[in-house]
């Protein structure tokens, strides 16, 4: 049994954080390795889930910058922890943990170092990309969460032999509504209007990054509202762009039909109350939101970016549209609102697709297989190194 450490940026409810915490839980439940979890920030709504794993501790390595004395201190602390606990695999999950985790693991000479990439573009500056390229050279493997992400890494010059595609897994139980209530009561819980005539079109995406392109969603919403008067639009997510999106909704004249939930703890209930679910991003890796929509048996209208095409079957489980095209996005939403039977059928097929292809079991097994392959390779390298050392010593004695 090997010792594996998952390094998580924080426990806030982002896509990468949720996937990292979920993987840690799956590893803990599998009991195939001794699990450790560490973080850069020990805060967020997902911390309770991590604490329920009965880990020995969750050490924190807070950073203020990658270029100050504190970073050096935290790297030394991290490397010491890895050596003391004889960690054999370090797995990181996003840009910040990749940089810190791969550097610390290399310093501690951890045998297996696994980085991750979960985006295709639009998130990193040129300087960050340069740093990331250096970090990938320290990794023995890089997990891409979609083939689109894998292709992007290869185009950036990353060795194809290092890249492994492991799709995000989705916990289907998490998408079951936790309350057994009538629609009216559910909508009151979500602070949404409860009149029966309202038909909700929902986007679940943080409002911290403009790459999610909420303006395209709102412009599509105005077009939909002109054709389907009872349509209403929900933006579930928190972030500093919220007020700007409120202002845009007012500018578009649809502020009475647009609802902002902030961070939504009742995602399952929200999706159950929605008729159509949308993602308007200009760039993605492999969207957790799309999988959640499909798992909730909702038809999806999403921009054709990142791994969206790997999840959505065009015309069968949803529709793909070009990034920024609010006109076609609106047309697809209108189609689904006008043809509810077709929408329900697409949602049902989406649910089946998630069950078959994007399960937690598949994510866990693929990850464990990666660890075992890398550990076995290191054992072979060490054995060959020992044989060479013995042979060299024997030659030296013979020559002496």
Protein backbone atom coordinates (compact mmCIF):
# COMPACT_ATOMS: atom_id res chain seq x y z
CA UNK A 1 0.00 0.00 0.00
CA UNK A 2 1.52 3.29 -1.14
CA UNK A 3 1.07 6.76 0.36
CA UNK A 4 -0.72 9.24 -1.91
CA UNK A 5 -1.19 12.96 -1.30
CA UNK A 6 -3.83 15.08 -3.02
CA UNK A 7 -2.94 18.79 -3.04
CA UNK A 8 -6.06 20.96 -3.31
CA UNK A 9 -6.08 24.71 -3.87
CA UNK A 10 -8.99 25.42 -1.50
CA UNK A 11 -12.36 24.01 -0.47
CA UNK A 12 -14.46 26.64 -2.23
CA UNK A 13 -17.11 25.31 -4.59
CA UNK A 14 -15.33 25.54 -7.93
CA UNK A 15 -15.22 22.80 -10.55
CA UNK A 16 -11.59 21.85 -9.95
CA UNK A 17 -11.98 21.94 -6.18
CA UNK A 18 -15.08 19.74 -6.25
CA UNK A 19 -13.39 17.21 -8.52
CA UNK A 20 -10.29 17.14 -6.28
CA UNK A 21 -12.31 16.62 -3.09
CA UNK A 22 -14.44 13.98 -4.79
CA UNK A 23 -11.37 12.08 -5.99
CA UNK A 24 -9.87 12.23 -2.49
CA UNK A 25 -13.08 10.79 -1.06
CA UNK A 26 -13.14 8.00 -3.64
CA UNK A 27 -9.52 7.13 -2.87
CA UNK A 28 -10.26 7.09 0.86
CA UNK A 29 -13.24 4.79 0.34
CA UNK A 30 -11.27 2.45 -1.95
CA UNK A 31 -8.68 1.83 0.77
CA UNK A 32 -6.10 0.96 -1.90
CA UNK A 33 -3.59 3.60 -0.74
CA UNK A 34 -2.82 5.57 2.42
CA UNK A 35 -4.38 8.95 1.70
CA UNK A 36 -3.17 12.41 2.72
CA UNK A 37 -4.78 15.71 1.71
CA UNK A 38 -3.08 19.11 1.85
CA UNK A 39 -4.22 22.53 0.67
CA UNK A 40 -3.13 26.07 -0.08
CA UNK A 41 -6.18 27.56 1.66
CA UNK A 42 -8.09 25.67 4.37
CA UNK A 43 -11.45 27.35 3.76
CA UNK A 44 -14.64 26.70 1.81
CA UNK A 45 -17.92 24.83 1.87
CA UNK A 46 -16.26 21.57 0.75
CA UNK A 47 -14.04 21.41 3.85
CA UNK A 48 -16.70 19.52 5.82
CA UNK A 49 -16.70 16.79 3.18
CA UNK A 50 -12.92 16.51 3.46
CA UNK A 51 -13.04 16.37 7.25
CA UNK A 52 -15.50 13.46 7.08
CA UNK A 53 -12.78 11.36 5.41
CA UNK A 54 -11.10 10.91 8.82
CA UNK A 55 -7.73 12.05 7.55
CA UNK A 56 -4.87 12.37 10.05
CA UNK A 57 -4.70 16.12 9.27
CA UNK A 58 -5.12 18.60 6.41
CA UNK A 59 -2.01 20.80 6.46
CA UNK A 60 -2.26 24.26 4.89
CA UNK A 61 0.46 26.04 2.91
CA UNK A 62 -0.83 29.59 2.41
CA UNK A 63 0.72 31.61 -0.40
CA UNK A 64 0.72 35.35 -1.08
CA UNK A 65 2.84 35.16 -4.24
CA UNK A 66 5.12 32.73 -6.03
CA UNK A 67 7.95 35.23 -5.80
CA UNK A 68 8.48 35.99 -2.10
CA UNK A 69 10.23 34.51 0.92
CA UNK A 70 6.98 33.02 2.21
CA UNK A 71 6.79 30.72 -0.84
CA UNK A 72 10.27 29.36 -0.04
CA UNK A 73 9.23 28.72 3.59
CA UNK A 74 6.03 26.97 2.52
CA UNK A 75 7.88 24.83 -0.03
CA UNK A 76 10.34 23.70 2.65
CA UNK A 77 7.46 22.89 5.02
CA UNK A 78 5.70 20.94 2.29
CA UNK A 79 8.82 19.01 1.27
CA UNK A 80 9.50 18.15 4.93
CA UNK A 81 5.94 16.85 5.32
CA UNK A 82 6.30 14.70 2.19
CA UNK A 83 9.58 13.19 3.42
CA UNK A 84 8.34 12.60 6.97
CA UNK A 85 5.23 10.75 5.75
CA UNK A 86 7.11 8.89 2.98
CA UNK A 87 4.67 10.12 0.33
CA UNK A 88 5.15 8.23 -2.94
CA UNK A 89 2.56 9.98 -5.14
CA UNK A 90 1.69 13.68 -5.20
CA UNK A 91 -1.31 14.62 -7.36
CA UNK A 92 -2.17 18.29 -8.02
CA UNK A 93 -5.30 19.64 -9.66
CA UNK A 94 -5.00 23.19 -11.03
CA UNK A 95 -2.50 25.88 -11.99
CA UNK A 96 -1.57 26.99 -8.46
CA UNK A 97 -1.28 23.52 -6.95
CA UNK A 98 0.62 22.35 -10.05
CA UNK A 99 3.26 25.04 -9.55
CA UNK A 100 3.59 24.65 -5.79
CA UNK A 101 3.03 20.91 -5.61
CA UNK A 102 5.36 19.80 -8.40
CA UNK A 103 8.15 22.05 -7.08
CA UNK A 104 7.75 20.79 -3.51
CA UNK A 105 7.45 17.15 -4.59
CA UNK A 106 10.59 17.45 -6.74
CA UNK A 107 12.43 19.04 -3.80
CA UNK A 108 11.37 16.10 -1.61
CA UNK A 109 12.24 13.62 -4.39
CA UNK A 110 8.76 12.11 -4.39
CA UNK A 111 8.89 9.11 -6.79
CA UNK A 112 5.65 9.88 -8.67
CA UNK A 113 4.43 13.39 -9.48
CA UNK A 114 1.07 13.89 -11.26
CA UNK A 115 -0.09 17.32 -12.42
CA UNK A 116 -3.43 18.22 -14.02
CA UNK A 117 -4.86 20.46 -16.74
CA UNK A 118 -8.58 21.26 -16.74
CA UNK A 119 -8.81 24.11 -19.22
CA UNK A 120 -8.18 24.76 -22.91
CA UNK A 121 -7.47 28.48 -22.82
CA UNK A 122 -8.61 31.93 -21.79
CA UNK A 123 -7.52 31.63 -18.15
CA UNK A 124 -3.74 32.16 -18.04
CA UNK A 125 -1.40 35.03 -18.82
CA UNK A 126 1.65 34.51 -21.03
CA UNK A 127 3.89 34.54 -17.95
CA UNK A 128 1.73 31.93 -16.20
CA UNK A 129 1.83 29.70 -19.26
CA UNK A 130 5.63 29.88 -19.28
CA UNK A 131 5.78 28.91 -15.59
CA UNK A 132 3.36 26.06 -16.21
CA UNK A 133 5.50 24.68 -19.03
CA UNK A 134 8.43 24.44 -16.62
CA UNK A 135 6.27 22.76 -14.00
CA UNK A 136 5.08 20.10 -16.45
CA UNK A 137 8.71 19.08 -16.96
CA UNK A 138 8.83 18.17 -13.24
CA UNK A 139 5.73 15.95 -13.57
CA UNK A 140 5.82 12.27 -14.52
CA UNK A 141 2.25 12.47 -15.83
CA UNK A 142 -0.32 15.15 -16.58
CA UNK A 143 -4.01 14.32 -16.26
CA UNK A 144 -6.19 16.02 -18.89
CA UNK A 145 -9.91 15.89 -18.19
CA UNK A 146 -10.85 15.84 -21.89
CA UNK A 147 -9.33 14.93 -25.24
CA UNK A 148 -9.63 18.60 -26.20
CA UNK A 149 -7.42 19.48 -23.23
CA UNK A 150 -4.97 16.74 -24.20
CA UNK A 151 -4.69 18.10 -27.74
CA UNK A 152 -4.09 21.58 -26.36
CA UNK A 153 -1.21 20.33 -24.21
CA UNK A 154 0.38 18.56 -27.18
CA UNK A 155 0.08 21.74 -29.26
CA UNK A 156 1.91 23.59 -26.49
CA UNK A 157 4.82 21.18 -26.79
CA UNK A 158 4.11 18.89 -23.82
CA UNK A 159 5.29 15.33 -24.41
CA UNK A 160 2.39 13.19 -25.59
CA UNK A 161 3.74 10.27 -23.54
CA UNK A 162 3.12 12.20 -20.32
CA UNK A 163 -0.54 13.03 -20.94
CA UNK A 164 -3.38 10.79 -19.76
CA UNK A 165 -7.05 11.61 -20.34
CA UNK A 166 -9.26 10.87 -17.34
CA UNK A 167 -12.75 12.31 -17.56
CA UNK A 168 -14.38 14.01 -14.61
CA UNK A 169 -16.58 11.66 -12.63
CA UNK A 170 -20.00 12.71 -11.41
CA UNK A 171 -21.63 11.62 -8.18
CA UNK A 172 -25.16 10.92 -9.37
CA UNK A 173 -26.48 10.82 -5.81
CA UNK A 174 -25.49 14.47 -5.39
CA UNK A 175 -27.86 15.41 -8.22
CA UNK A 176 -30.90 13.89 -6.51
CA UNK A 177 -33.03 16.55 -4.80
CA UNK A 178 -32.62 16.28 -1.04
CA UNK A 179 -36.11 17.52 -0.27
CA UNK A 180 -39.39 15.90 -1.24
CA UNK A 181 -41.50 18.96 -1.90
CA UNK A 182 -43.90 20.37 -4.44
CA UNK A 183 -42.48 22.62 -7.16
CA UNK A 184 -43.94 25.70 -5.47
CA UNK A 185 -42.15 24.91 -2.20
CA UNK A 186 -38.89 24.16 -4.01
CA UNK A 187 -39.00 27.50 -5.80
CA UNK A 188 -39.62 29.32 -2.54
CA UNK A 189 -36.58 27.56 -1.09
CA UNK A 190 -34.52 28.89 -4.01
CA UNK A 191 -36.02 32.41 -3.72
CA UNK A 192 -37.47 32.09 -7.21
CA UNK A 193 -40.99 33.15 -8.30
CA UNK A 194 -43.37 30.27 -7.68
CA UNK A 195 -46.12 30.96 -10.19
CA UNK A 196 -46.84 27.89 -12.29
CA UNK A 197 -46.44 29.70 -15.59
CA UNK A 198 -42.73 30.44 -15.15
CA UNK A 199 -40.36 28.26 -17.22
CA UNK A 200 -36.79 28.41 -16.00
CA UNK A 201 -33.68 28.46 -18.17
CA UNK A 202 -30.62 28.06 -15.96
CA UNK A 203 -26.88 28.57 -16.14
CA UNK A 204 -24.64 27.29 -13.33
CA UNK A 205 -21.27 29.03 -13.59
CA UNK A 206 -19.18 31.18 -11.31
CA UNK A 207 -19.26 34.93 -11.85
CA UNK A 208 -15.56 35.36 -11.15
CA UNK A 209 -14.17 34.87 -14.67
CA UNK A 210 -15.40 36.58 -17.82
CA UNK A 211 -14.47 33.43 -19.77
CA UNK A 212 -17.89 32.07 -18.67
CA UNK A 213 -19.38 34.80 -20.92
CA UNK A 214 -22.62 35.50 -19.07
CA UNK A 215 -23.32 38.46 -21.43
CA UNK A 216 -23.96 36.00 -24.28
CA UNK A 217 -26.41 34.11 -22.05
CA UNK A 218 -28.23 37.33 -21.16
CA UNK A 219 -28.40 38.49 -24.77
CA UNK A 220 -29.84 35.09 -25.70
CA UNK A 221 -32.28 35.45 -22.79
CA UNK A 222 -33.62 38.71 -24.28
CA UNK A 223 -34.25 36.96 -27.60
CA UNK A 224 -35.96 34.01 -25.88
CA UNK A 225 -38.10 36.31 -23.72
CA UNK A 226 -39.42 38.06 -26.85
CA UNK A 227 -40.74 34.73 -28.20
CA UNK A 228 -41.55 32.82 -24.98
CA UNK A 229 -43.07 35.41 -22.60
CA UNK A 230 -43.21 33.05 -19.60
CA UNK A 231 -39.48 32.21 -19.75
CA UNK A 232 -37.33 33.21 -16.79
CA UNK A 233 -33.55 33.00 -16.46
CA UNK A 234 -31.47 31.90 -13.49
CA UNK A 235 -27.78 32.63 -12.98
CA UNK A 236 -26.45 30.38 -10.21
CA UNK A 237 -22.98 31.31 -9.05
CA UNK A 238 -21.11 33.91 -7.07
CA UNK A 239 -18.36 36.38 -7.94
CA UNK A 240 -17.34 39.94 -8.51
CA UNK A 241 -19.06 40.11 -11.93
CA UNK A 242 -22.53 39.78 -10.39
CA UNK A 243 -23.32 43.51 -10.27
CA UNK A 244 -22.11 44.04 -13.83
CA UNK A 245 -24.46 41.26 -14.99
CA UNK A 246 -27.36 42.80 -13.05
CA UNK A 247 -26.65 46.07 -14.82
CA UNK A 248 -26.54 44.35 -18.22
CA UNK A 249 -29.87 42.60 -17.55
CA UNK A 250 -31.39 46.01 -16.78
CA UNK A 251 -29.83 47.52 -19.91
CA UNK A 252 -31.35 44.67 -21.97
CA UNK A 253 -34.75 45.30 -20.35
CA UNK A 254 -35.08 41.80 -18.85
CA UNK A 255 -34.19 42.52 -15.21
CA UNK A 256 -37.63 41.35 -14.02
CA UNK A 257 -37.08 37.97 -15.64
CA UNK A 258 -33.48 37.34 -14.53
CA UNK A 259 -32.69 35.91 -11.10
CA UNK A 260 -29.31 35.67 -9.37
CA UNK A 261 -29.06 32.97 -6.71
CA UNK A 262 -25.44 33.55 -5.64
CA UNK A 263 -23.72 30.38 -4.49
CA UNK A 264 -26.42 27.73 -4.73
CA UNK A 265 -26.28 24.94 -2.15
CA UNK A 266 -29.39 23.32 -3.65
CA UNK A 267 -28.14 22.69 -7.20
CA UNK A 268 -30.11 19.44 -7.50
CA UNK A 269 -33.34 21.23 -6.59
CA UNK A 270 -32.58 24.10 -8.96
CA UNK A 271 -31.93 21.79 -11.90
CA UNK A 272 -35.07 19.79 -11.12
CA UNK A 273 -37.07 23.02 -11.41
CA UNK A 274 -35.40 24.04 -14.69
CA UNK A 275 -36.54 23.11 -18.21
CA UNK A 276 -33.37 23.95 -20.12
CA UNK A 277 -29.77 24.33 -18.91
CA UNK A 278 -27.15 26.44 -20.64
CA UNK A 279 -23.40 27.02 -20.66
CA UNK A 280 -22.11 30.05 -22.56
CA UNK A 281 -18.33 29.81 -21.94
CA UNK A 282 -15.77 31.05 -24.45
CA UNK A 283 -13.33 28.37 -23.21
CA UNK A 284 -13.55 25.30 -20.98
CA UNK A 285 -11.69 22.13 -20.17
CA UNK A 286 -14.39 19.60 -19.44
CA UNK A 287 -17.37 21.27 -17.83
CA UNK A 288 -18.71 19.83 -14.59
CA UNK A 289 -21.86 21.90 -15.13
CA UNK A 290 -22.66 20.10 -18.37
CA UNK A 291 -22.37 16.72 -16.63
CA UNK A 292 -24.59 17.97 -13.80
CA UNK A 293 -27.24 19.14 -16.26
CA UNK A 294 -27.20 15.77 -18.02
CA UNK A 295 -27.25 13.83 -14.74
CA UNK A 296 -30.34 15.83 -13.73
CA UNK A 297 -31.95 14.69 -17.02
CA UNK A 298 -32.06 18.20 -18.45
CA UNK A 299 -31.43 19.08 -22.12
CA UNK A 300 -28.31 21.19 -22.59
CA UNK A 301 -27.50 24.13 -24.84
CA UNK A 302 -23.76 24.80 -24.62
CA UNK A 303 -21.03 26.52 -26.56
CA UNK A 304 -18.85 24.18 -28.60
CA UNK A 305 -15.63 24.75 -26.64
CA UNK A 306 -13.23 22.47 -24.78
CA UNK A 307 -14.63 19.02 -24.15
CA UNK A 308 -18.31 19.95 -24.58
CA UNK A 309 -18.56 17.84 -27.75
CA UNK A 310 -17.16 14.86 -25.81
CA UNK A 311 -20.08 15.06 -23.37
CA UNK A 312 -23.00 16.28 -25.47
CA UNK A 313 -24.27 14.30 -28.44
CA UNK A 314 -25.53 16.99 -30.81
CA UNK A 315 -29.27 16.75 -31.32
CA UNK A 316 -29.61 13.76 -28.97
CA UNK A 317 -28.72 15.03 -25.48
CA UNK A 318 -28.56 18.73 -26.30
CA UNK A 319 -27.32 21.34 -28.75
CA UNK A 320 -23.89 22.84 -29.39
CA UNK A 321 -23.53 26.43 -30.61
CA UNK A 322 -20.57 28.63 -31.49
CA UNK A 323 -19.10 30.68 -28.65
CA UNK A 324 -20.59 34.18 -28.55
CA UNK A 325 -23.52 33.34 -30.85
CA UNK A 326 -26.50 34.49 -28.78
CA UNK A 327 -28.83 34.29 -31.79
CA UNK A 328 -28.38 30.54 -32.39
CA UNK A 329 -28.25 29.91 -28.65
CA UNK A 330 -31.64 31.57 -28.29
CA UNK A 331 -33.05 29.58 -31.21
CA UNK A 332 -32.01 26.29 -29.59
CA UNK A 333 -33.46 27.29 -26.21
CA UNK A 334 -36.73 28.32 -27.88
CA UNK A 335 -36.90 24.96 -29.68
CA UNK A 336 -36.61 23.08 -26.39
CA UNK A 337 -39.18 25.29 -24.64
CA UNK A 338 -41.63 24.85 -27.52
CA UNK A 339 -41.10 21.07 -27.72
CA UNK A 340 -41.21 19.85 -24.10
CA UNK A 341 -41.51 16.17 -25.05
CA UNK A 342 -38.38 16.40 -27.16
CA UNK A 343 -36.63 18.24 -24.34
CA UNK A 344 -37.55 15.52 -21.82
CA UNK A 345 -36.38 12.80 -24.20
CA UNK A 346 -33.03 14.53 -24.71
CA UNK A 347 -32.63 14.94 -20.97
CA UNK A 348 -33.30 11.24 -20.41
CA UNK A 349 -30.67 10.26 -22.97
CA UNK A 350 -28.22 12.64 -21.32
CA UNK A 351 -28.75 10.97 -17.95
CA UNK A 352 -28.02 7.54 -19.46
CA UNK A 353 -24.86 8.85 -21.11
CA UNK A 354 -23.51 10.16 -17.79
CA UNK A 355 -24.26 6.86 -16.07
CA UNK A 356 -22.39 4.89 -18.74
CA UNK A 357 -19.39 7.10 -19.47
CA UNK A 358 -18.77 9.63 -16.69
CA UNK A 359 -19.21 7.71 -13.45
CA UNK A 360 -17.16 8.12 -10.28
CA UNK A 361 -16.21 4.43 -10.56
CA UNK A 362 -14.57 5.01 -13.94
CA UNK A 363 -12.71 8.09 -12.68
CA UNK A 364 -11.40 6.20 -9.64
CA UNK A 365 -10.31 3.12 -11.56
CA UNK A 366 -8.53 5.12 -14.24
CA UNK A 367 -6.73 7.17 -11.59
CA UNK A 368 -5.67 4.10 -9.60
CA UNK A 369 -4.41 2.46 -12.80
CA UNK A 370 -2.30 5.55 -13.53
CA UNK A 371 -0.77 5.53 -10.04
CA UNK A 372 0.02 1.82 -10.22
CA UNK A 373 1.61 2.11 -13.66
CA UNK A 374 3.82 5.01 -12.59
CA UNK A 375 4.79 3.35 -9.29
CA UNK A 376 5.67 0.12 -11.10
CA UNK A 377 7.79 2.05 -13.59
CA UNK A 378 9.67 3.74 -10.75
CA UNK A 379 10.26 0.40 -9.04
CA UNK A 380 11.76 -0.95 -12.27
CA UNK A 381 13.97 2.13 -12.62
CA UNK A 382 15.18 1.79 -9.04
CA UNK A 383 15.90 -1.91 -9.52
CA UNK A 384 17.83 -1.28 -12.71
CA UNK A 385 19.74 1.51 -11.00
CA UNK A 386 20.69 -0.79 -8.13
CA UNK A 387 21.86 -3.50 -10.56
CA UNK A 388 23.99 -0.98 -12.45
CA UNK A 389 25.51 0.29 -9.20
CA UNK A 390 26.43 -3.22 -8.07
CA UNK A 391 27.88 -4.04 -11.51
CA UNK A 392 29.90 -0.82 -11.54
CA UNK A 393 31.23 -1.57 -8.06
CA UNK A 394 32.23 -5.06 -9.17
CA UNK A 395 34.08 -3.72 -12.23
CA UNK A 396 35.97 -1.23 -10.11
CA UNK A 397 37.08 -3.99 -7.67
CA UNK A 398 38.15 -6.22 -10.56
CA UNK A 399 40.17 -3.41 -12.13
CA UNK A 400 41.70 -2.59 -8.77
